Amino acid sequence: MFQRPSLKPARPYFSSGPCVKRPGWSLQNLEKAFLGRSHRAAEGRARLRDVIELSKEVLEIPPDWRVAIVPASDTGAVEMILWALAGTRPVDVLSFESFSALWAADLRDALEISDLNILAAPYGTLPDLTRIDWSHDVVLTWNGTTSGVCMPQDFTIPASREGLAICDATSAAFAMDLPWDRLDVVTWSWQKVLGGEAAHGMLALNPRAVARLESAPKRALPKIFRLTNAKGLIEGIFKGDTINTPSMLCVEDARDGLEWARALGGLTGLKARVQKNLDVVTKWVEATDWIDFLAEKRAIRSPTSICLKFTASWFTSLSADRQAAIVKKLVGLLEREGAGYDLAHYRDAPAGLRIWGGATVEHTDIAALLPWIEWAYAQVKAEAAA
């Protein structure tokens, strides 16, 4: 009844994390991984330092920042800095999708910050950014992985801020410009834009954040969260002496991805690939009358976690549960055909599609995917009308 498209994506992997490996990747790239040895051996430390230094180079991080590899992916990096710093002064937190809402909930319920201002907004929008009080510590997510909403280019953090700007950049790092001169803490993970393996996070601190860490009142913390001791900042953590044992296989994979990024021309080359992916989807959405971006304004549209919503009245008139069931059916059709994997909305987000457009994705694969989405959409629409 519905004719299948003739072309499939060469790599039909569109998960928003863990994300597809870089083009040309194979297990052979990891043959020289430092395995069966202690990560604290000289060569193990050297490889961990390589990840730190290559990350600083590709992300164009200022030289006076300290960068560390930490446990538990971006979540671990965010949590460890919140538990170490939050409560020293009032906190404003932006909450506009699943993970930013999690940071807000932890600050309110787990850390019980008494002077907490949660700036909330529904999926597809941002809070009123003019309400941020920069005399407070500010916790913000630069790109909402589950909502497809990111900070606009004209978003300005004042140089004269009194508080710290703490930025979760996990699906923005290596894909977007970050204002390093206006941020104080930045976190990300290996599993997003460079397609690394999960479970390892990165934490970057500028001198203001280091000074705060060293002067903050001590709070009881588990070992994997501790960045300071009686002498101050634990400098070794920022030189490759990880808090706990890392996977050296994952370290080798991270090095491979960073070397690939460097060969592309660094951040400039990565951003160009990401923009090309977004351009393919944008052109399709503009020509298709039953789908749109979840982000309500172009200025806040994410180029990495590309979240889409169905706008046809037959779909929007259904209950949320029925909408979710139809999306599940649609993405199931795509998976069974091998045309695209992991395309459903995040479990807490409105029913729709999410196409990862990070730098490791080829724009030709996205272009090949879109006719398959049209094919699957036609089938679920007909079934819903029957």
Protein backbone atom coordinates (compact mmCIF):
# COMPACT_ATOMS: atom_id res chain seq x y z
CA MET A 1 0.00 0.00 0.00
CA PHE A 2 2.78 2.40 0.90
CA GLN A 3 5.87 2.24 -1.28
CA ARG A 4 9.12 1.93 0.61
CA PRO A 5 11.87 4.42 -0.23
CA SER A 6 14.68 2.94 -2.29
CA LEU A 7 17.60 4.33 -0.28
CA LYS A 8 18.43 3.70 3.37
CA PRO A 9 20.92 5.55 5.56
CA ALA A 10 24.36 3.97 5.38
CA ARG A 11 24.52 4.32 9.17
CA PRO A 12 20.96 4.46 10.51
CA TYR A 13 22.02 5.40 14.05
CA PHE A 14 20.37 8.53 15.44
CA SER A 15 20.47 8.00 19.20
CA SER A 16 20.96 11.10 21.32
CA GLY A 17 23.29 9.21 23.64
CA PRO A 18 25.28 7.13 23.37
CA CYS A 19 25.66 8.60 19.89
CA VAL A 20 26.92 7.11 16.65
CA LYS A 21 30.69 6.68 16.32
CA ARG A 22 32.64 8.91 13.98
CA PRO A 23 32.68 8.08 10.26
CA GLY A 24 35.31 5.44 9.54
CA TRP A 25 35.49 4.21 13.14
CA SER A 26 36.21 0.56 13.87
CA LEU A 27 37.41 -1.50 16.80
CA GLN A 28 40.83 -1.57 15.18
CA ASN A 29 41.22 2.07 16.18
CA LEU A 30 41.42 0.87 19.78
CA GLU A 31 44.01 -1.86 19.30
CA LYS A 32 46.69 0.18 21.09
CA ALA A 33 44.54 0.85 24.15
CA PHE A 34 46.48 0.74 27.43
CA LEU A 35 44.86 -2.43 28.81
CA GLY A 36 45.83 -4.75 31.62
CA ARG A 37 47.92 -2.08 33.32
CA SER A 38 47.25 0.42 36.05
CA HIS A 39 45.83 3.74 34.89
CA ARG A 40 48.23 5.28 37.39
CA ALA A 41 51.25 4.01 35.50
CA ALA A 42 53.16 6.71 33.64
CA GLU A 43 51.73 5.80 30.24
CA GLY A 44 48.21 5.49 31.65
CA ARG A 45 48.45 8.97 33.15
CA ALA A 46 49.85 10.28 29.87
CA ARG A 47 46.85 9.01 27.92
CA LEU A 48 44.42 10.50 30.41
CA ARG A 49 46.28 13.80 30.14
CA ASP A 50 45.99 13.52 26.36
CA VAL A 51 42.20 13.49 26.65
CA ILE A 52 42.32 16.55 28.89
CA GLU A 53 44.72 18.51 26.69
CA LEU A 54 43.04 17.55 23.41
CA SER A 55 39.67 18.54 24.87
CA LYS A 56 41.05 21.94 25.86
CA GLU A 57 42.52 22.39 22.39
CA VAL A 58 39.45 21.39 20.37
CA LEU A 59 37.00 23.26 22.61
CA GLU A 60 39.30 26.31 22.70
CA ILE A 61 39.23 26.42 26.49
CA PRO A 62 41.33 29.26 27.98
CA PRO A 63 44.70 28.17 29.37
CA ASP A 64 43.92 29.16 32.97
CA TRP A 65 41.00 26.69 33.19
CA ARG A 66 41.43 23.32 34.88
CA VAL A 67 39.86 20.28 33.18
CA ALA A 68 39.29 16.84 34.70
CA ILE A 69 37.92 13.44 33.80
CA VAL A 70 35.28 12.47 36.36
CA PRO A 71 32.97 9.49 37.04
CA ALA A 72 29.38 8.93 35.91
CA SER A 73 29.22 10.88 32.66
CA ASP A 74 27.83 14.43 32.53
CA THR A 75 25.37 13.61 35.29
CA GLY A 76 28.24 12.83 37.63
CA ALA A 77 30.06 16.01 36.66
CA VAL A 78 27.01 18.21 37.31
CA GLU A 79 26.11 16.50 40.56
CA MET A 80 29.61 16.65 42.00
CA ILE A 81 29.89 20.39 41.40
CA LEU A 82 26.40 21.10 42.76
CA TRP A 83 27.08 19.10 45.91
CA ALA A 84 30.43 20.81 46.35
CA LEU A 85 29.32 24.40 45.71
CA ALA A 86 25.58 24.91 45.99
CA GLY A 87 24.33 26.81 49.00
CA THR A 88 27.26 29.16 49.46
CA ARG A 89 25.05 31.88 48.00
CA PRO A 90 21.52 31.98 46.49
CA VAL A 91 20.95 29.84 43.40
CA ASP A 92 18.96 30.44 40.22
CA VAL A 93 18.40 27.32 38.11
CA LEU A 94 16.86 27.14 34.65
CA SER A 95 14.42 24.25 34.22
CA PHE A 96 13.01 23.64 30.74
CA GLU A 97 13.47 19.93 29.96
CA SER A 98 14.21 16.64 31.70
CA PHE A 99 17.79 17.08 32.85
CA SER A 100 17.59 20.75 33.76
CA ALA A 101 14.47 19.84 35.74
CA LEU A 102 16.52 17.14 37.49
CA TRP A 103 19.16 19.68 38.56
CA ALA A 104 16.38 21.91 39.90
CA ALA A 105 14.79 19.02 41.80
CA ASP A 106 18.12 17.98 43.33
CA LEU A 107 18.88 21.51 44.47
CA ARG A 108 15.41 21.77 46.02
CA ASP A 109 14.83 18.27 47.41
CA ALA A 110 18.22 16.63 47.97
CA LEU A 111 20.44 19.59 48.79
CA GLU A 112 17.52 21.57 50.26
CA ILE A 113 18.90 24.93 49.15
CA SER A 114 16.81 27.43 51.06
CA ASP A 115 17.41 30.43 48.77
CA LEU A 116 16.56 28.78 45.47
CA ASN A 117 14.86 30.37 42.48
CA ILE A 118 13.64 27.86 39.85
CA LEU A 119 13.04 29.55 36.49
CA ALA A 120 10.82 27.04 34.72
CA ALA A 121 9.39 26.80 31.21
CA PRO A 122 7.53 24.07 29.29
CA TYR A 123 9.11 21.94 26.58
CA GLY A 124 9.84 23.93 23.44
CA THR A 125 10.55 27.20 25.24
CA LEU A 126 13.08 28.82 27.55
CA PRO A 127 12.42 30.60 30.84
CA ASP A 128 12.48 34.38 30.86
CA LEU A 129 16.25 34.88 30.82
CA THR A 130 15.92 38.49 31.94
CA ARG A 131 14.79 37.20 35.36
CA ILE A 132 18.19 35.65 36.09
CA ASP A 133 19.88 37.29 39.06
CA TRP A 134 23.60 37.19 38.31
CA SER A 135 24.45 38.04 41.91
CA HIS A 136 23.33 34.44 42.54
CA ASP A 137 24.98 31.25 41.38
CA VAL A 138 23.24 30.30 38.14
CA VAL A 139 22.80 26.69 36.98
CA LEU A 140 21.93 26.49 33.30
CA THR A 141 21.76 23.83 30.62
CA TRP A 142 23.16 25.19 27.36
CA ASN A 143 21.32 22.71 25.16
CA GLY A 144 18.27 20.76 26.25
CA THR A 145 18.91 17.27 24.91
CA THR A 146 15.33 16.17 25.53
CA SER A 147 13.61 19.32 24.23
CA GLY A 148 15.72 20.47 21.29
CA VAL A 149 15.97 23.94 22.82
CA CYS A 150 19.27 25.75 23.31
CA MET A 151 20.50 29.11 24.52
CA PRO A 152 20.13 31.78 21.81
CA GLN A 153 23.24 33.33 20.30
CA ASP A 154 22.40 36.73 21.82
CA PHE A 155 22.23 35.31 25.37
CA THR A 156 24.66 37.37 27.43
CA ILE A 157 26.23 36.55 30.77
CA PRO A 158 27.55 39.71 32.45
CA ALA A 159 31.29 39.93 32.98
CA SER A 160 30.64 41.61 36.34
CA ARG A 161 28.54 38.77 37.74
CA GLU A 162 28.95 38.07 41.45
CA GLY A 163 27.82 34.45 41.35
CA LEU A 164 29.13 31.52 39.36
CA ALA A 165 27.74 30.51 35.98
CA ILE A 166 27.52 26.69 36.13
CA CYS A 167 26.82 25.24 32.68
CA ASP A 168 25.72 21.74 31.72
CA ALA A 169 27.00 21.61 28.13
CA THR A 170 26.80 17.90 27.43
CA SER A 171 24.99 18.11 24.07
CA ALA A 172 26.48 21.51 23.20
CA ALA A 173 30.21 20.92 23.69
CA PHE A 174 32.01 20.31 20.39
CA ALA A 175 28.95 21.54 18.45
CA MET A 176 28.34 25.12 19.54
CA ASP A 177 30.31 28.14 20.65
CA LEU A 178 30.47 28.44 24.43
CA PRO A 179 31.34 31.79 26.03
CA TRP A 180 34.28 30.57 28.09
CA ASP A 181 35.06 34.11 29.24
CA ARG A 182 31.60 34.31 30.88
CA LEU A 183 31.20 30.79 32.25
CA ASP A 184 32.79 29.48 35.45
CA VAL A 185 31.99 25.76 35.45
CA VAL A 186 31.29 23.66 32.35
CA THR A 187 30.44 19.94 32.18
CA TRP A 188 30.04 17.47 29.33
CA SER A 189 30.44 13.77 28.53
CA TRP A 190 32.22 11.66 25.93
CA GLN A 191 29.08 10.02 24.60
CA LYS A 192 27.51 12.97 22.77
CA VAL A 193 28.95 15.05 19.93
CA LEU A 194 32.15 13.02 19.46
CA GLY A 195 30.40 9.66 19.81
CA GLY A 196 32.54 8.39 22.68
CA GLU A 197 31.62 5.71 25.17
CA ALA A 198 29.44 6.42 28.19
CA ALA A 199 30.19 6.52 31.94
CA HIS A 200 32.91 9.19 31.87
CA GLY A 201 32.30 12.90 32.31
CA MET A 202 34.36 16.05 31.99
CA LEU A 203 34.51 18.98 34.38
CA ALA A 204 36.09 22.35 33.58
CA LEU A 205 36.68 25.09 36.17
CA ASN A 206 37.95 28.62 35.79
CA PRO A 207 39.95 30.37 38.55
CA ARG A 208 36.78 31.89 40.09
CA ALA A 209 35.26 28.43 40.50
CA VAL A 210 38.49 27.04 41.94
CA ALA A 211 38.64 29.85 44.49
CA ARG A 212 35.04 29.15 45.51
CA LEU A 213 35.73 25.43 45.89
CA GLU A 214 38.69 26.08 48.12
CA SER A 215 36.79 28.52 50.34
CA ALA A 216 33.37 26.85 50.46
CA PRO A 217 32.16 25.39 53.75
CA LYS A 218 32.89 21.70 53.87
CA ARG A 219 30.02 19.31 53.25
CA ALA A 220 30.15 15.56 53.73
CA LEU A 221 30.72 14.10 50.27
CA PRO A 222 31.32 10.59 48.90
CA LYS A 223 34.83 10.04 47.59
CA ILE A 224 33.81 10.22 43.93
CA PHE A 225 32.53 13.78 44.48
CA ARG A 226 35.56 15.18 46.31
CA LEU A 227 37.56 17.82 44.46
CA THR A 228 39.29 19.32 47.49
CA ASN A 229 41.08 18.18 50.63
CA ALA A 230 42.61 19.90 53.64
CA LYS A 231 45.27 21.45 51.38
CA GLY A 232 42.79 22.87 48.85
CA LEU A 233 42.06 21.75 45.29
CA ILE A 234 43.25 18.23 44.51
CA GLU A 235 45.40 19.26 41.55
CA GLY A 236 46.15 15.71 40.46
CA ILE A 237 42.55 15.22 39.34
CA PHE A 238 43.16 17.88 36.69
CA LYS A 239 46.36 16.22 35.49
CA GLY A 240 45.03 12.76 34.75
CA ASP A 241 44.88 11.27 38.26
CA THR A 242 41.23 10.29 38.11
CA ILE A 243 39.15 9.95 41.28
CA ASN A 244 38.31 6.32 40.53
CA THR A 245 39.44 3.77 37.97
CA PRO A 246 38.55 4.75 34.40
CA SER A 247 38.08 2.39 31.48
CA MET A 248 41.28 2.72 29.46
CA LEU A 249 39.40 1.28 26.47
CA CYS A 250 36.99 4.21 26.71
CA VAL A 251 39.95 6.56 27.16
CA GLU A 252 41.46 5.30 23.91
CA ASP A 253 38.13 5.78 22.17
CA ALA A 254 37.90 9.34 23.50
CA ARG A 255 41.40 10.06 22.21
CA ASP A 256 40.42 8.69 18.82
CA GLY A 257 37.38 10.96 18.62
CA LEU A 258 39.39 14.01 19.67
CA GLU A 259 42.09 13.30 17.09
CA TRP A 260 39.36 13.01 14.45
CA ALA A 261 37.96 16.35 15.57
CA ARG A 262 41.38 17.95 15.37
CA ALA A 263 41.86 16.61 11.83
CA LEU A 264 38.53 18.22 10.82
CA GLY A 265 39.87 21.61 11.85
CA GLY A 266 38.73 21.51 15.45
CA LEU A 267 35.60 23.27 16.61
CA THR A 268 35.09 25.07 13.29
CA GLY A 269 34.94 21.80 11.38
CA LEU A 270 32.68 20.15 13.95
CA LYS A 271 30.21 23.03 13.94
CA ALA A 272 30.05 22.98 10.14
CA ARG A 273 29.04 19.30 10.15
CA VAL A 274 26.40 19.92 12.81
CA GLN A 275 24.96 22.88 10.92
CA LYS A 276 24.73 20.85 7.71
CA ASN A 277 22.70 18.22 9.57
CA LEU A 278 20.30 20.82 10.91
CA ASP A 279 19.96 22.42 7.48
CA VAL A 280 18.80 19.12 5.97
CA VAL A 281 16.07 18.73 8.60
CA THR A 282 15.06 22.39 8.40
CA LYS A 283 14.52 22.23 4.65
CA TRP A 284 12.39 19.11 5.06
CA VAL A 285 10.30 20.52 7.92
CA GLU A 286 9.60 23.70 5.96
CA ALA A 287 8.30 21.61 3.07
CA THR A 288 6.22 19.23 5.22
CA ASP A 289 2.88 20.38 6.60
CA TRP A 290 2.42 17.79 9.35
CA ILE A 291 5.63 18.22 11.35
CA ASP A 292 7.50 21.06 13.04
CA PHE A 293 10.32 21.68 15.49
CA LEU A 294 9.44 21.36 19.15
CA ALA A 295 11.41 24.55 19.79
CA GLU A 296 8.95 27.36 19.29
CA LYS A 297 11.47 29.88 17.96
CA ARG A 298 14.26 29.46 15.41
CA ALA A 299 16.71 31.32 17.66
CA ILE A 300 16.51 28.58 20.32
CA ARG A 301 16.47 25.60 17.94
CA SER A 302 19.09 23.00 18.84
CA PRO A 303 21.35 21.79 16.00
CA THR A 304 22.27 18.58 17.84
CA SER A 305 19.18 17.16 19.59
CA ILE A 306 16.67 17.91 16.84
CA CYS A 307 13.27 17.41 18.46
CA LEU A 308 10.18 17.37 16.24
CA LYS A 309 6.44 17.37 16.92
CA PHE A 310 3.53 16.21 14.79
CA THR A 311 1.19 19.10 14.04
CA ALA A 312 -1.63 17.45 12.04
CA SER A 313 -5.01 17.75 13.74
CA TRP A 314 -5.69 14.00 13.57
CA PHE A 315 -2.65 13.54 15.84
CA THR A 316 -2.90 16.58 18.13
CA SER A 317 -6.54 15.77 18.95
CA LEU A 318 -5.54 12.46 20.53
CA SER A 319 -4.74 11.87 24.18
CA ALA A 320 -1.10 11.99 25.27
CA ASP A 321 -1.07 8.21 25.78
CA ARG A 322 -2.48 7.57 22.31
CA GLN A 323 0.05 9.98 20.76
CA ALA A 324 2.89 8.16 22.49
CA ALA A 325 1.58 4.81 21.24
CA ILE A 326 1.48 6.05 17.66
CA VAL A 327 5.04 7.38 17.89
CA LYS A 328 6.13 4.01 19.28
CA LYS A 329 4.49 2.31 16.31
CA LEU A 330 6.14 4.70 13.85
CA VAL A 331 9.65 4.30 15.20
CA GLY A 332 9.08 0.55 15.41
CA LEU A 333 8.40 0.48 11.68
CA LEU A 334 11.64 2.36 11.02
CA GLU A 335 13.62 0.00 13.22
CA ARG A 336 12.19 -3.11 11.62
CA GLU A 337 13.17 -1.79 8.21
CA GLY A 338 16.66 -0.89 9.42
CA ALA A 339 16.03 2.68 8.28
CA GLY A 340 16.61 4.43 11.60
CA TYR A 341 17.14 3.58 15.24
CA ASP A 342 16.40 5.37 18.54
CA LEU A 343 14.26 8.12 17.05
CA ALA A 344 11.51 8.38 19.67
CA HIS A 345 11.08 11.33 22.01
CA TYR A 346 12.66 11.16 25.46
CA ARG A 347 10.34 9.45 27.94
CA ASP A 348 9.42 12.70 29.76
CA ALA A 349 9.07 14.82 26.61
CA PRO A 350 6.00 15.43 24.45
CA ALA A 351 5.34 12.68 21.91
CA GLY A 352 7.36 13.18 18.75
CA LEU A 353 10.67 12.38 17.10
CA ARG A 354 14.24 13.16 18.08
CA ILE A 355 17.00 13.01 15.46
CA TRP A 356 20.54 13.37 16.74
CA GLY A 357 22.45 15.78 14.51
CA GLY A 358 25.84 15.81 16.23
CA ALA A 359 29.13 15.95 14.38
CA THR A 360 29.53 12.18 13.95
CA VAL A 361 26.28 11.96 11.95
CA GLU A 362 26.49 12.29 8.16
CA HIS A 363 24.01 14.71 6.60
CA THR A 364 23.49 12.20 3.78
CA ASP A 365 22.19 9.69 6.32
CA ILE A 366 19.68 12.20 7.67
CA ALA A 367 18.59 13.00 4.11
CA ALA A 368 18.06 9.27 3.48
CA LEU A 369 16.12 8.89 6.74
CA LEU A 370 13.50 11.56 6.08
CA PRO A 371 11.61 9.75 3.25
CA TRP A 372 11.39 6.73 5.56
CA ILE A 373 9.80 8.90 8.24
CA GLU A 374 7.25 10.02 5.63
CA TRP A 375 6.59 6.37 4.72
CA ALA A 376 6.10 5.33 8.35
CA TYR A 377 3.95 8.39 9.07
CA ALA A 378 1.60 7.52 6.21
CA GLN A 379 1.14 4.04 7.62
CA VAL A 380 0.37 5.07 11.19
CA LYS A 381 -1.95 7.81 10.00
CA ALA A 382 -3.93 5.36 7.87
CA GLU A 383 -4.09 2.89 10.72
CA ALA A 384 -5.33 5.56 13.15
CA ALA A 385 -8.09 6.51 10.71
CA ALA A 386 -9.25 2.94 10.16
